[in-house]
């Protein structure tokens, strides 16, 4: 089940990278220049939020690629910390944009943090069903946020 999500994230990252690398023509006509200026202004306005969204995508891909029993408590906590830092940055740069999706993802991440914090040592076996449930909650919330990011950032 984890592989299709990783493939989706990789495809999304490639699409975002292609959109970010898209060249701007050196058109000299007035109409083309006005269109280019409008597109540049829109991209510039969304740029901080889109850049933070790209960082969040990378940390989500890292979390998605974890094997909980292999990563252990410390590995999961480290991946969650990266997600939390990038999510906080996105929350600041996006302001009210995507706020409901960001709140949903934040709640799901906090639920997994709570589950992981309650584990004694690195023995994850007894908590594995809860961890998997929390990861599914994160995946659902992330999918909703990712769709909005893709729509707004390209």
C-alpha atoms as a PDB file:
ATOM      1  CA  UNK A   1       0.000   0.000   0.000  1.00  0.00           C
ATOM      2  CA  UNK A   2       2.869   2.378   0.704  1.00  0.00           C
ATOM      3  CA  UNK A   3       4.442   2.053  -2.752  1.00  0.00           C
ATOM      4  CA  UNK A   4       1.602   3.737  -4.724  1.00  0.00           C
ATOM      5  CA  UNK A   5       1.702   6.728  -2.382  1.00  0.00           C
ATOM      6  CA  UNK A   6       5.466   7.084  -2.851  1.00  0.00           C
ATOM      7  CA  UNK A   7       5.072   6.869  -6.615  1.00  0.00           C
ATOM      8  CA  UNK A   8       2.366   9.524  -6.444  1.00  0.00           C
ATOM      9  CA  UNK A   9       4.599  11.791  -4.367  1.00  0.00           C
ATOM     10  CA  UNK A  10       7.523  11.287  -6.750  1.00  0.00           C
ATOM     11  CA  UNK A  11       5.323  12.066  -9.750  1.00  0.00           C
ATOM     12  CA  UNK A  12       4.008  15.165  -7.987  1.00  0.00           C
ATOM     13  CA  UNK A  13       7.521  16.340  -7.148  1.00  0.00           C
ATOM     14  CA  UNK A  14       8.541  15.903 -10.789  1.00  0.00           C
ATOM     15  CA  UNK A  15       5.494  17.876 -11.957  1.00  0.00           C
ATOM     16  CA  UNK A  16       6.252  20.671  -9.497  1.00  0.00           C
ATOM     17  CA  UNK A  17       9.890  20.708 -10.555  1.00  0.00           C
ATOM     18  CA  UNK A  18       8.903  20.884 -14.233  1.00  0.00           C
ATOM     19  CA  UNK A  19       6.499  23.740 -13.479  1.00  0.00           C
ATOM     20  CA  UNK A  20       9.159  25.594 -11.508  1.00  0.00           C
ATOM     21  CA  UNK A  21      11.738  25.162 -14.271  1.00  0.00           C
ATOM     22  CA  UNK A  22       9.399  26.298 -17.052  1.00  0.00           C
ATOM     23  CA  UNK A  23      11.128  28.994 -19.054  1.00  0.00           C
ATOM     24  CA  UNK A  24       9.682  32.415 -19.696  1.00  0.00           C
ATOM     25  CA  UNK A  25       9.901  33.507 -23.303  1.00  0.00           C
ATOM     26  CA  UNK A  26      11.545  36.738 -24.326  1.00  0.00           C
ATOM     27  CA  UNK A  27       8.490  37.994 -26.219  1.00  0.00           C
ATOM     28  CA  UNK A  28       8.466  41.654 -27.147  1.00  0.00           C
ATOM     29  CA  UNK A  29       4.793  42.034 -28.060  1.00  0.00           C
ATOM     30  CA  UNK A  30       2.669  44.042 -25.617  1.00  0.00           C
ATOM     31  CA  UNK A  31      -0.042  41.401 -25.190  1.00  0.00           C
ATOM     32  CA  UNK A  32       2.461  38.624 -24.538  1.00  0.00           C
ATOM     33  CA  UNK A  33       4.361  40.819 -22.073  1.00  0.00           C
ATOM     34  CA  UNK A  34       1.148  41.584 -20.164  1.00  0.00           C
ATOM     35  CA  UNK A  35       0.320  37.881 -19.940  1.00  0.00           C
ATOM     36  CA  UNK A  36       3.834  37.036 -18.778  1.00  0.00           C
ATOM     37  CA  UNK A  37       3.731  39.799 -16.167  1.00  0.00           C
ATOM     38  CA  UNK A  38       0.396  38.570 -14.805  1.00  0.00           C
ATOM     39  CA  UNK A  39       1.643  34.995 -14.613  1.00  0.00           C
ATOM     40  CA  UNK A  40       4.855  36.126 -12.924  1.00  0.00           C
ATOM     41  CA  UNK A  41       2.929  38.189 -10.381  1.00  0.00           C
ATOM     42  CA  UNK A  42       0.723  35.213  -9.530  1.00  0.00           C
ATOM     43  CA  UNK A  43       3.727  32.913  -9.193  1.00  0.00           C
ATOM     44  CA  UNK A  44       5.581  35.474  -7.082  1.00  0.00           C
ATOM     45  CA  UNK A  45       2.618  35.841  -4.741  1.00  0.00           C
ATOM     46  CA  UNK A  46       2.296  32.082  -4.309  1.00  0.00           C
ATOM     47  CA  UNK A  47       6.045  31.462  -4.300  1.00  0.00           C
ATOM     48  CA  UNK A  48       6.746  31.402  -0.524  1.00  0.00           C
ATOM     49  CA  UNK A  49       3.795  29.114   0.168  1.00  0.00           C
ATOM     50  CA  UNK A  50       4.636  26.929  -2.831  1.00  0.00           C
ATOM     51  CA  UNK A  51       8.286  26.693  -1.771  1.00  0.00           C
ATOM     52  CA  UNK A  52       7.237  25.674   1.749  1.00  0.00           C
ATOM     53  CA  UNK A  53       4.763  23.211   0.220  1.00  0.00           C
ATOM     54  CA  UNK A  54       7.614  21.634  -1.765  1.00  0.00           C
ATOM     55  CA  UNK A  55       9.658  21.245   1.431  1.00  0.00           C
ATOM     56  CA  UNK A  56       6.650  19.651   3.134  1.00  0.00           C
ATOM     57  CA  UNK A  57       6.244  17.276   0.192  1.00  0.00           C
ATOM     58  CA  UNK A  58       9.850  16.157   0.600  1.00  0.00           C
ATOM     59  CA  UNK A  59       9.456  15.506   4.329  1.00  0.00           C
ATOM     60  CA  UNK A  60       6.139  13.725   3.733  1.00  0.00           C
ATOM     61  CA  UNK A  61       7.868  11.478   1.172  1.00  0.00           C
ATOM     62  CA  UNK A  62      10.510  10.658   3.774  1.00  0.00           C
ATOM     63  CA  UNK A  63       7.835   9.812   6.352  1.00  0.00           C
ATOM     64  CA  UNK A  64       5.947   7.794   3.745  1.00  0.00           C
ATOM     65  CA  UNK A  65       9.064   5.772   2.955  1.00  0.00           C
ATOM     66  CA  UNK A  66       9.664   4.729   6.567  1.00  0.00           C
ATOM     67  CA  UNK A  67       9.266   1.169   7.701  1.00  0.00           C
ATOM     68  CA  UNK A  68       8.086   1.715  11.312  1.00  0.00           C
ATOM     69  CA  UNK A  69       9.604  -1.478  12.796  1.00  0.00           C
ATOM     70  CA  UNK A  70      12.920  -0.803  11.069  1.00  0.00           C
ATOM     71  CA  UNK A  71      13.016   2.948  11.779  1.00  0.00           C
ATOM     72  CA  UNK A  72      12.123   2.522  15.419  1.00  0.00           C
ATOM     73  CA  UNK A  73      10.798   5.186  17.715  1.00  0.00           C
ATOM     74  CA  UNK A  74      13.700   7.577  17.126  1.00  0.00           C
ATOM     75  CA  UNK A  75      13.477   7.298  13.329  1.00  0.00           C
ATOM     76  CA  UNK A  76       9.752   7.968  13.293  1.00  0.00           C
ATOM     77  CA  UNK A  77      10.153  10.899  15.680  1.00  0.00           C
ATOM     78  CA  UNK A  78      12.901  12.419  13.502  1.00  0.00           C
ATOM     79  CA  UNK A  79      10.755  12.133  10.357  1.00  0.00           C
ATOM     80  CA  UNK A  80       7.752  13.584  12.196  1.00  0.00           C
ATOM     81  CA  UNK A  81       9.847  16.512  13.418  1.00  0.00           C
ATOM     82  CA  UNK A  82      10.827  17.381   9.833  1.00  0.00           C
ATOM     83  CA  UNK A  83       7.172  17.202   8.785  1.00  0.00           C
ATOM     84  CA  UNK A  84       6.158  19.400  11.735  1.00  0.00           C
ATOM     85  CA  UNK A  85       8.802  22.037  10.968  1.00  0.00           C
ATOM     86  CA  UNK A  86       7.833  22.180   7.290  1.00  0.00           C
ATOM     87  CA  UNK A  87       4.129  22.178   8.127  1.00  0.00           C
ATOM     88  CA  UNK A  88       4.624  25.106  10.539  1.00  0.00           C
ATOM     89  CA  UNK A  89       6.504  27.017   7.832  1.00  0.00           C
ATOM     90  CA  UNK A  90       3.710  26.337   5.347  1.00  0.00           C
ATOM     91  CA  UNK A  91       1.097  27.412   7.873  1.00  0.00           C
ATOM     92  CA  UNK A  92       2.929  30.752   8.239  1.00  0.00           C
ATOM     93  CA  UNK A  93       3.579  31.387   4.545  1.00  0.00           C
ATOM     94  CA  UNK A  94       0.184  30.185   3.300  1.00  0.00           C
ATOM     95  CA  UNK A  95      -1.661  32.333   5.870  1.00  0.00           C
ATOM     96  CA  UNK A  96      -5.351  31.468   5.363  1.00  0.00           C
ATOM     97  CA  UNK A  97      -4.720  29.555   2.119  1.00  0.00           C
ATOM     98  CA  UNK A  98      -5.301  25.825   2.609  1.00  0.00           C
ATOM     99  CA  UNK A  99      -6.010  26.445   6.313  1.00  0.00           C
ATOM    100  CA  UNK A 100      -8.563  23.655   6.787  1.00  0.00           C
ATOM    101  CA  UNK A 101      -6.338  21.096   5.041  1.00  0.00           C
ATOM    102  CA  UNK A 102      -3.267  22.253   6.991  1.00  0.00           C
ATOM    103  CA  UNK A 103      -5.199  21.999  10.269  1.00  0.00           C
ATOM    104  CA  UNK A 104      -6.353  18.484   9.372  1.00  0.00           C
ATOM    105  CA  UNK A 105      -2.807  17.361   8.542  1.00  0.00           C
ATOM    106  CA  UNK A 106      -1.448  19.014  11.677  1.00  0.00           C
ATOM    107  CA  UNK A 107      -3.984  17.112  13.811  1.00  0.00           C
ATOM    108  CA  UNK A 108      -3.092  13.811  12.131  1.00  0.00           C
ATOM    109  CA  UNK A 109       0.644  14.421  12.649  1.00  0.00           C
ATOM    110  CA  UNK A 110       0.033  15.277  16.304  1.00  0.00           C
ATOM    111  CA  UNK A 111      -1.944  12.041  16.743  1.00  0.00           C
ATOM    112  CA  UNK A 112       1.020  10.004  15.502  1.00  0.00           C
ATOM    113  CA  UNK A 113       3.404  12.018  17.688  1.00  0.00           C
ATOM    114  CA  UNK A 114       1.252  11.178  20.702  1.00  0.00           C
ATOM    115  CA  UNK A 115       1.202   7.490  19.786  1.00  0.00           C
ATOM    116  CA  UNK A 116       4.982   7.401  19.317  1.00  0.00           C
ATOM    117  CA  UNK A 117       5.635   9.327  22.540  1.00  0.00           C
ATOM    118  CA  UNK A 118       3.663   6.699  24.469  1.00  0.00           C
ATOM    119  CA  UNK A 119       5.931   3.884  23.354  1.00  0.00           C
ATOM    120  CA  UNK A 120       8.531   2.667  25.839  1.00  0.00           C
ATOM    121  CA  UNK A 121      11.864   2.020  24.200  1.00  0.00           C
ATOM    122  CA  UNK A 122      12.011   1.017  20.548  1.00  0.00           C
ATOM    123  CA  UNK A 123       9.486  -1.804  20.815  1.00  0.00           C
ATOM    124  CA  UNK A 124       6.851  -0.778  18.289  1.00  0.00           C
ATOM    125  CA  UNK A 125       5.129  -4.126  17.829  1.00  0.00           C
ATOM    126  CA  UNK A 126       2.360  -3.563  20.351  1.00  0.00           C
ATOM    127  CA  UNK A 127       1.650  -0.058  18.989  1.00  0.00           C
ATOM    128  CA  UNK A 128       1.937  -1.009  15.315  1.00  0.00           C
ATOM    129  CA  UNK A 129      -1.832  -1.134  14.629  1.00  0.00           C
ATOM    130  CA  UNK A 130      -2.263   2.357  16.104  1.00  0.00           C
ATOM    131  CA  UNK A 131       0.770   3.648  14.205  1.00  0.00           C
ATOM    132  CA  UNK A 132      -0.633   2.285  10.941  1.00  0.00           C
ATOM    133  CA  UNK A 133      -4.012   3.867  11.691  1.00  0.00           C
ATOM    134  CA  UNK A 134      -2.322   7.201  12.439  1.00  0.00           C
ATOM    135  CA  UNK A 135      -0.298   6.943   9.215  1.00  0.00           C
ATOM    136  CA  UNK A 136      -3.503   6.339   7.262  1.00  0.00           C
ATOM    137  CA  UNK A 137      -4.967   9.483   8.859  1.00  0.00           C
ATOM    138  CA  UNK A 138      -1.880  11.427   7.806  1.00  0.00           C
ATOM    139  CA  UNK A 139      -2.131  10.021   4.280  1.00  0.00           C
ATOM    140  CA  UNK A 140      -5.788  11.047   3.988  1.00  0.00           C
ATOM    141  CA  UNK A 141      -5.105  14.562   5.284  1.00  0.00           C
ATOM    142  CA  UNK A 142      -1.998  14.911   3.120  1.00  0.00           C
ATOM    143  CA  UNK A 143      -3.872  13.834  -0.014  1.00  0.00           C
ATOM    144  CA  UNK A 144      -6.469  16.582   0.540  1.00  0.00           C
ATOM    145  CA  UNK A 145      -3.792  19.234   1.142  1.00  0.00           C
ATOM    146  CA  UNK A 146      -1.655  18.008  -1.746  1.00  0.00           C
ATOM    147  CA  UNK A 147      -4.582  18.363  -4.155  1.00  0.00           C
ATOM    148  CA  UNK A 148      -5.017  22.005  -3.159  1.00  0.00           C
ATOM    149  CA  UNK A 149      -1.281  22.668  -3.400  1.00  0.00           C
ATOM    150  CA  UNK A 150      -1.168  21.112  -6.860  1.00  0.00           C
ATOM    151  CA  UNK A 151      -4.119  23.199  -7.962  1.00  0.00           C
ATOM    152  CA  UNK A 152      -2.620  26.465  -6.701  1.00  0.00           C
ATOM    153  CA  UNK A 153       1.097  25.892  -7.280  1.00  0.00           C
ATOM    154  CA  UNK A 154       0.956  23.838 -10.447  1.00  0.00           C
END
